[in-house]
Full PDB file with SEQRES, HELIX, SHEET, SSBOND, CRYST1, ORIGX, SCALE, CONECT and MASTER records, all heavy atoms in Angstrom:
SEQRES   1 A   40  LYS ARG LEU GLU LYS GLU LYS HIS GLU LYS CYS ALA GLN          
SEQRES   2 A   40  LYS PRO ASP GLN GLN LYS ASN LEU GLY THR VAL GLY ALA          
SEQRES   3 A   40  VAL ALA LEU ASP CYS LYS GLY ASN VAL ALA TYR ALA THR          
SEQRES   4 A   40  SER                                                          
HELIX    1 AA1 ARG A    2  ALA A   12  1                                  11    
HELIX    2 AA2 GLN A   17  LYS A   19  5                                   3    
SHEET    1 AA1 2 GLY A  25  LEU A  29  0                                        
SHEET    2 AA1 2 VAL A  35  THR A  39 -1                                        
CRYST1    1.000    1.000    1.000  90.00  90.00  90.00 P 1           1          
ORIGX1      1.000000  0.000000  0.000000        0.00000                         
ORIGX2      0.000000  1.000000  0.000000        0.00000                         
ORIGX3      0.000000  0.000000  1.000000        0.00000                         
SCALE1      1.000000  0.000000  0.000000        0.00000                         
SCALE2      0.000000  1.000000  0.000000        0.00000                         
SCALE3      0.000000  0.000000  1.000000        0.00000                         
ATOM      1  N   LYS A   1      -5.211 -31.540 -28.451  1.00  0.00           N  
ATOM      2  CA  LYS A   1      -4.560 -31.286 -29.751  1.00  0.00           C  
ATOM      3  C   LYS A   1      -3.041 -30.952 -29.526  1.00  0.00           C  
ATOM      4  O   LYS A   1      -2.217 -31.350 -30.324  1.00  0.00           O  
ATOM      5  CB  LYS A   1      -5.226 -30.114 -30.407  1.00  0.00           C  
ATOM      6  CG  LYS A   1      -6.609 -30.478 -31.082  1.00  0.00           C  
ATOM      7  CD  LYS A   1      -7.186 -29.320 -31.720  1.00  0.00           C  
ATOM      8  CE  LYS A   1      -8.558 -29.712 -32.285  1.00  0.00           C  
ATOM      9  NZ  LYS A   1      -9.475 -28.540 -32.556  1.00  0.00           N  
ATOM     10  N   ARG A   2      -2.814 -30.211 -28.458  1.00  0.00           N  
ATOM     11  CA  ARG A   2      -1.373 -29.872 -28.120  1.00  0.00           C  
ATOM     12  C   ARG A   2      -0.614 -31.103 -27.844  1.00  0.00           C  
ATOM     13  O   ARG A   2       0.554 -31.227 -28.237  1.00  0.00           O  
ATOM     14  CB  ARG A   2      -1.314 -28.909 -26.885  1.00  0.00           C  
ATOM     15  CG  ARG A   2      -1.757 -27.482 -27.262  1.00  0.00           C  
ATOM     16  CD  ARG A   2      -1.808 -26.623 -25.993  1.00  0.00           C  
ATOM     17  NE  ARG A   2      -0.457 -26.195 -25.596  1.00  0.00           N  
ATOM     18  CZ  ARG A   2      -0.259 -25.485 -24.539  1.00  0.00           C  
ATOM     19  NH1 ARG A   2      -1.318 -25.096 -23.786  1.00  0.00           N  
ATOM     20  NH2 ARG A   2       0.919 -25.074 -24.160  1.00  0.00           N  
ATOM     21  N   LEU A   3      -1.170 -32.005 -27.086  1.00  0.00           N  
ATOM     22  CA  LEU A   3      -0.433 -33.281 -26.752  1.00  0.00           C  
ATOM     23  C   LEU A   3      -0.185 -34.097 -28.019  1.00  0.00           C  
ATOM     24  O   LEU A   3       0.876 -34.559 -28.294  1.00  0.00           O  
ATOM     25  CB  LEU A   3      -1.306 -34.123 -25.779  1.00  0.00           C  
ATOM     26  CG  LEU A   3      -0.644 -35.524 -25.401  1.00  0.00           C  
ATOM     27  CD1 LEU A   3       0.618 -35.244 -24.605  1.00  0.00           C  
ATOM     28  CD2 LEU A   3      -1.644 -36.296 -24.527  1.00  0.00           C  
ATOM     29  N   GLU A   4      -1.175 -34.176 -28.875  1.00  0.00           N  
ATOM     30  CA  GLU A   4      -1.045 -34.877 -30.181  1.00  0.00           C  
ATOM     31  C   GLU A   4       0.083 -34.291 -30.987  1.00  0.00           C  
ATOM     32  O   GLU A   4       0.946 -35.019 -31.528  1.00  0.00           O  
ATOM     33  CB  GLU A   4      -2.366 -34.813 -30.931  1.00  0.00           C  
ATOM     34  CG  GLU A   4      -2.635 -35.935 -31.885  1.00  0.00           C  
ATOM     35  CD  GLU A   4      -2.384 -37.311 -31.226  1.00  0.00           C  
ATOM     36  OE1 GLU A   4      -3.005 -37.631 -30.161  1.00  0.00           O  
ATOM     37  OE2 GLU A   4      -1.636 -38.113 -31.792  1.00  0.00           O  
ATOM     38  N   LYS A   5       0.111 -32.985 -31.065  1.00  0.00           N  
ATOM     39  CA  LYS A   5       1.090 -32.198 -31.847  1.00  0.00           C  
ATOM     40  C   LYS A   5       2.512 -32.456 -31.281  1.00  0.00           C  
ATOM     41  O   LYS A   5       3.450 -32.730 -31.904  1.00  0.00           O  
ATOM     42  CB  LYS A   5       0.766 -30.756 -31.844  1.00  0.00           C  
ATOM     43  CG  LYS A   5       1.600 -29.850 -32.633  1.00  0.00           C  
ATOM     44  CD  LYS A   5       0.977 -28.463 -32.872  1.00  0.00           C  
ATOM     45  CE  LYS A   5       1.873 -27.544 -33.648  1.00  0.00           C  
ATOM     46  NZ  LYS A   5       2.797 -26.768 -32.869  1.00  0.00           N  
ATOM     47  N   GLU A   6       2.554 -32.361 -29.906  1.00  0.00           N  
ATOM     48  CA  GLU A   6       3.822 -32.532 -29.265  1.00  0.00           C  
ATOM     49  C   GLU A   6       4.397 -33.957 -29.422  1.00  0.00           C  
ATOM     50  O   GLU A   6       5.650 -34.143 -29.714  1.00  0.00           O  
ATOM     51  CB  GLU A   6       3.672 -32.221 -27.737  1.00  0.00           C  
ATOM     52  CG  GLU A   6       4.928 -32.307 -26.945  1.00  0.00           C  
ATOM     53  CD  GLU A   6       5.956 -31.255 -27.270  1.00  0.00           C  
ATOM     54  OE1 GLU A   6       5.627 -30.209 -27.817  1.00  0.00           O  
ATOM     55  OE2 GLU A   6       7.161 -31.389 -26.883  1.00  0.00           O  
ATOM     56  N   LYS A   7       3.595 -34.919 -29.406  1.00  0.00           N  
ATOM     57  CA  LYS A   7       4.010 -36.351 -29.616  1.00  0.00           C  
ATOM     58  C   LYS A   7       4.495 -36.569 -31.036  1.00  0.00           C  
ATOM     59  O   LYS A   7       5.491 -37.200 -31.287  1.00  0.00           O  
ATOM     60  CB  LYS A   7       2.858 -37.319 -29.284  1.00  0.00           C  
ATOM     61  CG  LYS A   7       2.522 -37.432 -27.778  1.00  0.00           C  
ATOM     62  CD  LYS A   7       1.706 -38.619 -27.461  1.00  0.00           C  
ATOM     63  CE  LYS A   7       1.684 -38.765 -25.954  1.00  0.00           C  
ATOM     64  NZ  LYS A   7       0.957 -39.938 -25.499  1.00  0.00           N  
ATOM     65  N   HIS A   8       3.838 -35.892 -31.931  1.00  0.00           N  
ATOM     66  CA  HIS A   8       4.167 -36.055 -33.366  1.00  0.00           C  
ATOM     67  C   HIS A   8       5.551 -35.340 -33.620  1.00  0.00           C  
ATOM     68  O   HIS A   8       6.413 -35.823 -34.261  1.00  0.00           O  
ATOM     69  CB  HIS A   8       3.119 -35.349 -34.202  1.00  0.00           C  
ATOM     70  CG  HIS A   8       3.396 -35.338 -35.672  1.00  0.00           C  
ATOM     71  ND1 HIS A   8       3.315 -36.530 -36.419  1.00  0.00           N  
ATOM     72  CD2 HIS A   8       3.804 -34.377 -36.511  1.00  0.00           C  
ATOM     73  CE1 HIS A   8       3.703 -36.258 -37.674  1.00  0.00           C  
ATOM     74  NE2 HIS A   8       3.961 -34.950 -37.719  1.00  0.00           N  
ATOM     75  N   GLU A   9       5.722 -34.161 -32.963  1.00  0.00           N  
ATOM     76  CA  GLU A   9       6.961 -33.359 -33.174  1.00  0.00           C  
ATOM     77  C   GLU A   9       8.090 -34.005 -32.448  1.00  0.00           C  
ATOM     78  O   GLU A   9       9.296 -34.009 -32.900  1.00  0.00           O  
ATOM     79  CB  GLU A   9       6.776 -31.925 -32.726  1.00  0.00           C  
ATOM     80  CG  GLU A   9       5.954 -31.124 -33.692  1.00  0.00           C  
ATOM     81  CD  GLU A   9       5.693 -29.724 -33.185  1.00  0.00           C  
ATOM     82  OE1 GLU A   9       6.248 -29.315 -32.198  1.00  0.00           O  
ATOM     83  OE2 GLU A   9       4.922 -28.980 -33.882  1.00  0.00           O  
ATOM     84  N   LYS A  10       7.848 -34.678 -31.332  1.00  0.00           N  
ATOM     85  CA  LYS A  10       8.870 -35.303 -30.544  1.00  0.00           C  
ATOM     86  C   LYS A  10       9.535 -36.429 -31.323  1.00  0.00           C  
ATOM     87  O   LYS A  10      10.702 -36.684 -31.264  1.00  0.00           O  
ATOM     88  CB  LYS A  10       8.314 -35.763 -29.235  1.00  0.00           C  
ATOM     89  CG  LYS A  10       9.464 -36.119 -28.187  1.00  0.00           C  
ATOM     90  CD  LYS A  10       8.916 -36.503 -26.847  1.00  0.00           C  
ATOM     91  CE  LYS A  10      10.035 -36.774 -25.900  1.00  0.00           C  
ATOM     92  NZ  LYS A  10       9.622 -37.253 -24.600  1.00  0.00           N  
ATOM     93  N   CYS A  11       8.707 -37.075 -32.123  1.00  0.00           N  
ATOM     94  CA  CYS A  11       9.197 -38.208 -32.976  1.00  0.00           C  
ATOM     95  C   CYS A  11      10.126 -37.613 -34.026  1.00  0.00           C  
ATOM     96  O   CYS A  11      11.143 -38.208 -34.491  1.00  0.00           O  
ATOM     97  CB  CYS A  11       8.096 -38.905 -33.736  1.00  0.00           C  
ATOM     98  SG  CYS A  11       6.966 -39.735 -32.623  1.00  0.00           S  
ATOM     99  N   ALA A  12       9.941 -36.347 -34.500  1.00  0.00           N  
ATOM    100  CA  ALA A  12      10.597 -35.724 -35.553  1.00  0.00           C  
ATOM    101  C   ALA A  12      11.890 -35.051 -35.058  1.00  0.00           C  
ATOM    102  O   ALA A  12      12.877 -34.983 -35.791  1.00  0.00           O  
ATOM    103  CB  ALA A  12       9.770 -34.781 -36.331  1.00  0.00           C  
ATOM    104  N   GLN A  13      11.782 -34.448 -33.898  1.00  0.00           N  
ATOM    105  CA  GLN A  13      12.962 -33.582 -33.433  1.00  0.00           C  
ATOM    106  C   GLN A  13      12.919 -33.440 -31.937  1.00  0.00           C  
ATOM    107  O   GLN A  13      12.010 -33.864 -31.264  1.00  0.00           O  
ATOM    108  CB  GLN A  13      12.861 -32.221 -34.100  1.00  0.00           C  
ATOM    109  CG  GLN A  13      11.619 -31.444 -33.620  1.00  0.00           C  
ATOM    110  CD  GLN A  13      11.309 -30.237 -34.441  1.00  0.00           C  
ATOM    111  OE1 GLN A  13      10.881 -30.405 -35.559  1.00  0.00           O  
ATOM    112  NE2 GLN A  13      11.403 -29.104 -33.881  1.00  0.00           N  
ATOM    113  N   LYS A  14      13.963 -32.695 -31.431  1.00  0.00           N  
ATOM    114  CA  LYS A  14      13.962 -32.417 -30.015  1.00  0.00           C  
ATOM    115  C   LYS A  14      12.910 -31.439 -29.669  1.00  0.00           C  
ATOM    116  O   LYS A  14      12.674 -30.416 -30.340  1.00  0.00           O  
ATOM    117  CB  LYS A  14      15.390 -31.836 -29.711  1.00  0.00           C  
ATOM    118  CG  LYS A  14      15.688 -31.749 -28.192  1.00  0.00           C  
ATOM    119  CD  LYS A  14      17.176 -31.420 -27.995  1.00  0.00           C  
ATOM    120  CE  LYS A  14      17.414 -31.397 -26.470  1.00  0.00           C  
ATOM    121  NZ  LYS A  14      17.771 -30.102 -26.011  1.00  0.00           N  
ATOM    122  N   PRO A  15      12.169 -31.634 -28.615  1.00  0.00           N  
ATOM    123  CA  PRO A  15      11.088 -30.689 -28.274  1.00  0.00           C  
ATOM    124  C   PRO A  15      11.630 -29.319 -27.939  1.00  0.00           C  
ATOM    125  O   PRO A  15      12.708 -29.144 -27.505  1.00  0.00           O  
ATOM    126  CB  PRO A  15      10.388 -31.275 -27.099  1.00  0.00           C  
ATOM    127  CG  PRO A  15      11.298 -32.392 -26.563  1.00  0.00           C  
ATOM    128  CD  PRO A  15      12.211 -32.759 -27.633  1.00  0.00           C  
ATOM    129  N   ASP A  16      10.866 -28.269 -28.324  1.00  0.00           N  
ATOM    130  CA  ASP A  16      11.287 -26.923 -28.143  1.00  0.00           C  
ATOM    131  C   ASP A  16      10.933 -26.451 -26.700  1.00  0.00           C  
ATOM    132  O   ASP A  16       9.778 -26.359 -26.325  1.00  0.00           O  
ATOM    133  CB  ASP A  16      10.537 -26.072 -29.165  1.00  0.00           C  
ATOM    134  CG  ASP A  16      10.801 -24.592 -29.045  1.00  0.00           C  
ATOM    135  OD1 ASP A  16      11.704 -24.248 -28.302  1.00  0.00           O  
ATOM    136  OD2 ASP A  16      10.047 -23.820 -29.684  1.00  0.00           O  
ATOM    137  N   GLN A  17      12.002 -26.058 -25.961  1.00  0.00           N  
ATOM    138  CA  GLN A  17      11.892 -25.654 -24.561  1.00  0.00           C  
ATOM    139  C   GLN A  17      10.911 -24.404 -24.480  1.00  0.00           C  
ATOM    140  O   GLN A  17      10.166 -24.304 -23.516  1.00  0.00           O  
ATOM    141  CB  GLN A  17      13.297 -25.230 -24.114  1.00  0.00           C  
ATOM    142  CG  GLN A  17      13.485 -25.267 -22.643  1.00  0.00           C  
ATOM    143  CD  GLN A  17      14.717 -24.568 -22.316  1.00  0.00           C  
ATOM    144  OE1 GLN A  17      14.794 -23.334 -22.367  1.00  0.00           O  
ATOM    145  NE2 GLN A  17      15.758 -25.278 -21.923  1.00  0.00           N  
ATOM    146  N   GLN A  18      10.962 -23.609 -25.505  1.00  0.00           N  
ATOM    147  CA  GLN A  18      10.182 -22.366 -25.482  1.00  0.00           C  
ATOM    148  C   GLN A  18       8.715 -22.553 -25.435  1.00  0.00           C  
ATOM    149  O   GLN A  18       7.980 -21.705 -24.951  1.00  0.00           O  
ATOM    150  CB  GLN A  18      10.618 -21.671 -26.782  1.00  0.00           C  
ATOM    151  CG  GLN A  18       9.733 -20.441 -27.102  1.00  0.00           C  
ATOM    152  CD  GLN A  18      10.217 -19.179 -26.450  1.00  0.00           C  
ATOM    153  OE1 GLN A  18      10.963 -19.219 -25.475  1.00  0.00           O  
ATOM    154  NE2 GLN A  18       9.793 -18.019 -26.961  1.00  0.00           N  
ATOM    155  N   LYS A  19       8.242 -23.730 -25.826  1.00  0.00           N  
ATOM    156  CA  LYS A  19       6.778 -23.929 -25.923  1.00  0.00           C  
ATOM    157  C   LYS A  19       6.145 -24.195 -24.508  1.00  0.00           C  
ATOM    158  O   LYS A  19       4.972 -24.023 -24.314  1.00  0.00           O  
ATOM    159  CB  LYS A  19       6.487 -25.147 -26.813  1.00  0.00           C  
ATOM    160  CG  LYS A  19       6.525 -24.793 -28.266  1.00  0.00           C  
ATOM    161  CD  LYS A  19       6.014 -25.993 -29.121  1.00  0.00           C  
ATOM    162  CE  LYS A  19       6.743 -27.197 -28.817  1.00  0.00           C  
ATOM    163  NZ  LYS A  19       6.893 -28.098 -29.985  1.00  0.00           N  
ATOM    164  N   ASN A  20       6.964 -24.730 -23.655  1.00  0.00           N  
ATOM    165  CA  ASN A  20       6.428 -25.184 -22.368  1.00  0.00           C  
ATOM    166  C   ASN A  20       6.696 -24.222 -21.203  1.00  0.00           C  
ATOM    167  O   ASN A  20       7.490 -24.538 -20.397  1.00  0.00           O  
ATOM    168  CB  ASN A  20       7.057 -26.553 -22.112  1.00  0.00           C  
ATOM    169  CG  ASN A  20       6.616 -27.689 -23.016  1.00  0.00           C  
ATOM    170  OD1 ASN A  20       5.441 -27.703 -23.428  1.00  0.00           O  
ATOM    171  ND2 ASN A  20       7.651 -28.452 -23.514  1.00  0.00           N  
ATOM    172  N   LEU A  21       6.003 -23.176 -21.239  1.00  0.00           N  
ATOM    173  CA  LEU A  21       6.299 -22.116 -20.268  1.00  0.00           C  
ATOM    174  C   LEU A  21       5.095 -21.715 -19.424  1.00  0.00           C  
ATOM    175  O   LEU A  21       5.168 -20.713 -18.706  1.00  0.00           O  
ATOM    176  CB  LEU A  21       6.898 -20.900 -20.925  1.00  0.00           C  
ATOM    177  CG  LEU A  21       8.242 -21.204 -21.793  1.00  0.00           C  
ATOM    178  CD1 LEU A  21       8.638 -19.898 -22.429  1.00  0.00           C  
ATOM    179  CD2 LEU A  21       9.344 -21.672 -20.882  1.00  0.00           C  
ATOM    180  N   GLY A  22       3.967 -22.443 -19.519  1.00  0.00           N  
ATOM    181  CA  GLY A  22       2.780 -21.889 -18.991  1.00  0.00           C  
ATOM    182  C   GLY A  22       2.599 -22.150 -17.476  1.00  0.00           C  
ATOM    183  O   GLY A  22       2.809 -23.262 -17.027  1.00  0.00           O  
ATOM    184  N   THR A  23       2.312 -21.198 -16.683  1.00  0.00           N  
ATOM    185  CA  THR A  23       2.066 -21.225 -15.277  1.00  0.00           C  
ATOM    186  C   THR A  23       1.156 -20.108 -15.021  1.00  0.00           C  
ATOM    187  O   THR A  23       1.095 -19.140 -15.776  1.00  0.00           O  
ATOM    188  CB  THR A  23       3.392 -21.015 -14.475  1.00  0.00           C  
ATOM    189  OG1 THR A  23       4.391 -21.806 -15.048  1.00  0.00           O  
ATOM    190  CG2 THR A  23       3.226 -21.387 -13.042  1.00  0.00           C  
ATOM    191  N   VAL A  24       0.457 -19.990 -13.837  1.00  0.00           N  
ATOM    192  CA  VAL A  24      -0.169 -18.816 -13.410  1.00  0.00           C  
ATOM    193  C   VAL A  24       0.315 -18.421 -12.030  1.00  0.00           C  
ATOM    194  O   VAL A  24       0.774 -19.346 -11.311  1.00  0.00           O  
ATOM    195  CB  VAL A  24      -1.729 -18.866 -13.489  1.00  0.00           C  
ATOM    196  CG1 VAL A  24      -2.230 -19.254 -14.784  1.00  0.00           C  
ATOM    197  CG2 VAL A  24      -2.194 -19.809 -12.335  1.00  0.00           C  
ATOM    198  N   GLY A  25       0.342 -17.141 -11.688  1.00  0.00           N  
ATOM    199  CA  GLY A  25       0.805 -16.757 -10.418  1.00  0.00           C  
ATOM    200  C   GLY A  25       0.348 -15.398 -10.006  1.00  0.00           C  
ATOM    201  O   GLY A  25      -0.113 -14.600 -10.839  1.00  0.00           O  
ATOM    202  N   ALA A  26       0.525 -15.079  -8.759  1.00  0.00           N  
ATOM    203  CA  ALA A  26       0.159 -13.738  -8.185  1.00  0.00           C  
ATOM    204  C   ALA A  26       1.032 -13.433  -7.023  1.00  0.00           C  
ATOM    205  O   ALA A  26       1.519 -14.298  -6.306  1.00  0.00           O  
ATOM    206  CB  ALA A  26      -1.332 -13.720  -7.759  1.00  0.00           C  
ATOM    207  N   VAL A  27       1.279 -12.121  -6.859  1.00  0.00           N  
ATOM    208  CA  VAL A  27       1.951 -11.576  -5.670  1.00  0.00           C  
ATOM    209  C   VAL A  27       1.102 -10.417  -5.131  1.00  0.00           C  
ATOM    210  O   VAL A  27       0.414  -9.726  -5.924  1.00  0.00           O  
ATOM    211  CB  VAL A  27       3.370 -11.068  -5.951  1.00  0.00           C  
ATOM    212  CG1 VAL A  27       4.272 -12.272  -6.297  1.00  0.00           C  
ATOM    213  CG2 VAL A  27       3.432 -10.048  -7.047  1.00  0.00           C  
ATOM    214  N   ALA A  28       1.148 -10.263  -3.871  1.00  0.00           N  
ATOM    215  CA  ALA A  28       0.333  -9.110  -3.304  1.00  0.00           C  
ATOM    216  C   ALA A  28       0.965  -8.554  -1.996  1.00  0.00           C  
ATOM    217  O   ALA A  28       1.696  -9.239  -1.298  1.00  0.00           O  
ATOM    218  CB  ALA A  28      -1.086  -9.643  -2.932  1.00  0.00           C  
ATOM    219  N   LEU A  29       0.589  -7.284  -1.772  1.00  0.00           N  
ATOM    220  CA  LEU A  29       0.982  -6.579  -0.539  1.00  0.00           C  
ATOM    221  C   LEU A  29      -0.357  -6.042   0.021  1.00  0.00           C  
ATOM    222  O   LEU A  29      -1.089  -5.368  -0.717  1.00  0.00           O  
ATOM    223  CB  LEU A  29       1.912  -5.403  -0.869  1.00  0.00           C  
ATOM    224  CG  LEU A  29       2.191  -4.393   0.240  1.00  0.00           C  
ATOM    225  CD1 LEU A  29       3.171  -5.012   1.292  1.00  0.00           C  
ATOM    226  CD2 LEU A  29       2.742  -3.112  -0.327  1.00  0.00           C  
ATOM    227  N   ASP A  30      -0.640  -6.391   1.234  1.00  0.00           N  
ATOM    228  CA  ASP A  30      -1.906  -5.893   1.808  1.00  0.00           C  
ATOM    229  C   ASP A  30      -1.733  -4.643   2.667  1.00  0.00           C  
ATOM    230  O   ASP A  30      -0.612  -4.167   2.859  1.00  0.00           O  
ATOM    231  CB  ASP A  30      -2.630  -7.028   2.629  1.00  0.00           C  
ATOM    232  CG  ASP A  30      -1.830  -7.537   3.834  1.00  0.00           C  
ATOM    233  OD1 ASP A  30      -1.088  -6.787   4.388  1.00  0.00           O  
ATOM    234  OD2 ASP A  30      -1.991  -8.740   4.175  1.00  0.00           O  
ATOM    235  N   CYS A  31      -2.842  -4.166   3.199  1.00  0.00           N  
ATOM    236  CA  CYS A  31      -2.771  -2.830   3.890  1.00  0.00           C  
ATOM    237  C   CYS A  31      -2.037  -2.943   5.250  1.00  0.00           C  
ATOM    238  O   CYS A  31      -1.638  -1.912   5.830  1.00  0.00           O  
ATOM    239  CB  CYS A  31      -4.153  -2.274   4.074  1.00  0.00           C  
ATOM    240  SG  CYS A  31      -5.319  -3.394   4.874  1.00  0.00           S  
ATOM    241  N   LYS A  32      -1.732  -4.158   5.706  1.00  0.00           N  
ATOM    242  CA  LYS A  32      -1.021  -4.323   6.894  1.00  0.00           C  
ATOM    243  C   LYS A  32       0.501  -4.483   6.679  1.00  0.00           C  
ATOM    244  O   LYS A  32       1.301  -4.708   7.558  1.00  0.00           O  
ATOM    245  CB  LYS A  32      -1.486  -5.550   7.687  1.00  0.00           C  
ATOM    246  CG  LYS A  32      -2.878  -5.345   8.255  1.00  0.00           C  
ATOM    247  CD  LYS A  32      -3.334  -6.533   9.024  1.00  0.00           C  
ATOM    248  CE  LYS A  32      -4.734  -6.295   9.742  1.00  0.00           C  
ATOM    249  NZ  LYS A  32      -5.309  -7.506  10.196  1.00  0.00           N  
ATOM    250  N   GLY A  33       0.852  -4.487   5.344  1.00  0.00           N  
ATOM    251  CA  GLY A  33       2.276  -4.579   5.001  1.00  0.00           C  
ATOM    252  C   GLY A  33       2.748  -6.001   4.797  1.00  0.00           C  
ATOM    253  O   GLY A  33       4.001  -6.265   4.744  1.00  0.00           O  
ATOM    254  N   ASN A  34       1.826  -6.950   4.778  1.00  0.00           N  
ATOM    255  CA  ASN A  34       2.210  -8.403   4.543  1.00  0.00           C  
ATOM    256  C   ASN A  34       2.210  -8.679   3.073  1.00  0.00           C  
ATOM    257  O   ASN A  34       1.368  -8.144   2.319  1.00  0.00           O  
ATOM    258  CB  ASN A  34       1.179  -9.307   5.277  1.00  0.00           C  
ATOM    259  CG  ASN A  34       1.219  -9.177   6.773  1.00  0.00           C  
ATOM    260  OD1 ASN A  34       2.268  -9.127   7.375  1.00  0.00           O  
ATOM    261  ND2 ASN A  34       0.066  -9.004   7.369  1.00  0.00           N  
ATOM    262  N   VAL A  35       3.187  -9.514   2.705  1.00  0.00           N  
ATOM    263  CA  VAL A  35       3.247  -9.931   1.310  1.00  0.00           C  
ATOM    264  C   VAL A  35       2.976 -11.424   1.178  1.00  0.00           C  
ATOM    265  O   VAL A  35       3.191 -12.227   2.116  1.00  0.00           O  
ATOM    266  CB  VAL A  35       4.646  -9.592   0.626  1.00  0.00           C  
ATOM    267  CG1 VAL A  35       4.852  -8.116   0.574  1.00  0.00           C  
ATOM    268  CG2 VAL A  35       5.745 -10.347   1.281  1.00  0.00           C  
ATOM    269  N   ALA A  36       2.596 -11.890  -0.027  1.00  0.00           N  
ATOM    270  CA  ALA A  36       2.324 -13.320  -0.267  1.00  0.00           C  
ATOM    271  C   ALA A  36       2.512 -13.555  -1.758  1.00  0.00           C  
ATOM    272  O   ALA A  36       2.458 -12.662  -2.596  1.00  0.00           O  
ATOM    273  CB  ALA A  36       0.950 -13.705   0.203  1.00  0.00           C  
ATOM    274  N   TYR A  37       2.725 -14.840  -2.119  1.00  0.00           N  
ATOM    275  CA  TYR A  37       2.743 -15.228  -3.458  1.00  0.00           C  
ATOM    276  C   TYR A  37       1.876 -16.538  -3.647  1.00  0.00           C  
ATOM    277  O   TYR A  37       1.736 -17.277  -2.644  1.00  0.00           O  
ATOM    278  CB  TYR A  37       4.144 -15.462  -4.060  1.00  0.00           C  
ATOM    279  CG  TYR A  37       4.643 -16.914  -3.982  1.00  0.00           C  
ATOM    280  CD1 TYR A  37       4.290 -17.887  -4.877  1.00  0.00           C  
ATOM    281  CD2 TYR A  37       5.428 -17.294  -2.887  1.00  0.00           C  
ATOM    282  CE1 TYR A  37       4.710 -19.227  -4.788  1.00  0.00           C  
ATOM    283  CE2 TYR A  37       5.823 -18.692  -2.692  1.00  0.00           C  
ATOM    284  CZ  TYR A  37       5.471 -19.576  -3.670  1.00  0.00           C  
ATOM    285  OH  TYR A  37       5.816 -20.939  -3.585  1.00  0.00           O  
ATOM    286  N   ALA A  38       1.400 -16.811  -4.805  1.00  0.00           N  
ATOM    287  CA  ALA A  38       0.749 -18.105  -5.190  1.00  0.00           C  
ATOM    288  C   ALA A  38       1.160 -18.371  -6.554  1.00  0.00           C  
ATOM    289  O   ALA A  38       1.146 -17.527  -7.438  1.00  0.00           O  
ATOM    290  CB  ALA A  38      -0.739 -18.047  -4.971  1.00  0.00           C  
ATOM    291  N   THR A  39       1.459 -19.701  -6.842  1.00  0.00           N  
ATOM    292  CA  THR A  39       1.797 -20.117  -8.200  1.00  0.00           C  
ATOM    293  C   THR A  39       1.143 -21.448  -8.457  1.00  0.00           C  
ATOM    294  O   THR A  39       1.076 -22.311  -7.561  1.00  0.00           O  
ATOM    295  CB  THR A  39       3.332 -20.244  -8.447  1.00  0.00           C  
ATOM    296  OG1 THR A  39       3.963 -19.077  -7.984  1.00  0.00           O  
ATOM    297  CG2 THR A  39       3.690 -20.418  -9.879  1.00  0.00           C  
ATOM    298  N   SER A  40       0.568 -21.668  -9.686  1.00  0.00           N  
ATOM    299  CA  SER A  40      -0.131 -22.949  -9.977  1.00  0.00           C  
ATOM    300  C   SER A  40       0.107 -23.302 -11.440  1.00  0.00           C  
ATOM    301  O   SER A  40       0.233 -22.464 -12.282  1.00  0.00           O  
ATOM    302  CB  SER A  40      -1.613 -22.795  -9.645  1.00  0.00           C  
ATOM    303  OG  SER A  40      -2.368 -23.942  -9.945  1.00  0.00           O  
TER     304      SER A  40                                                      
MASTER        0    0    0    2    2    0    0    6  303    1    0    4          
END                                                                             
């Protein structure tokens, strides 16, 4: 549905940058003092 809506709106106007912000991620510090990140 989101793709359908976006294609429809793109015909009408410039797409809104604000809508496209989804990502997931994590950062961690373990008991040995090591840090890491992951993003997807």
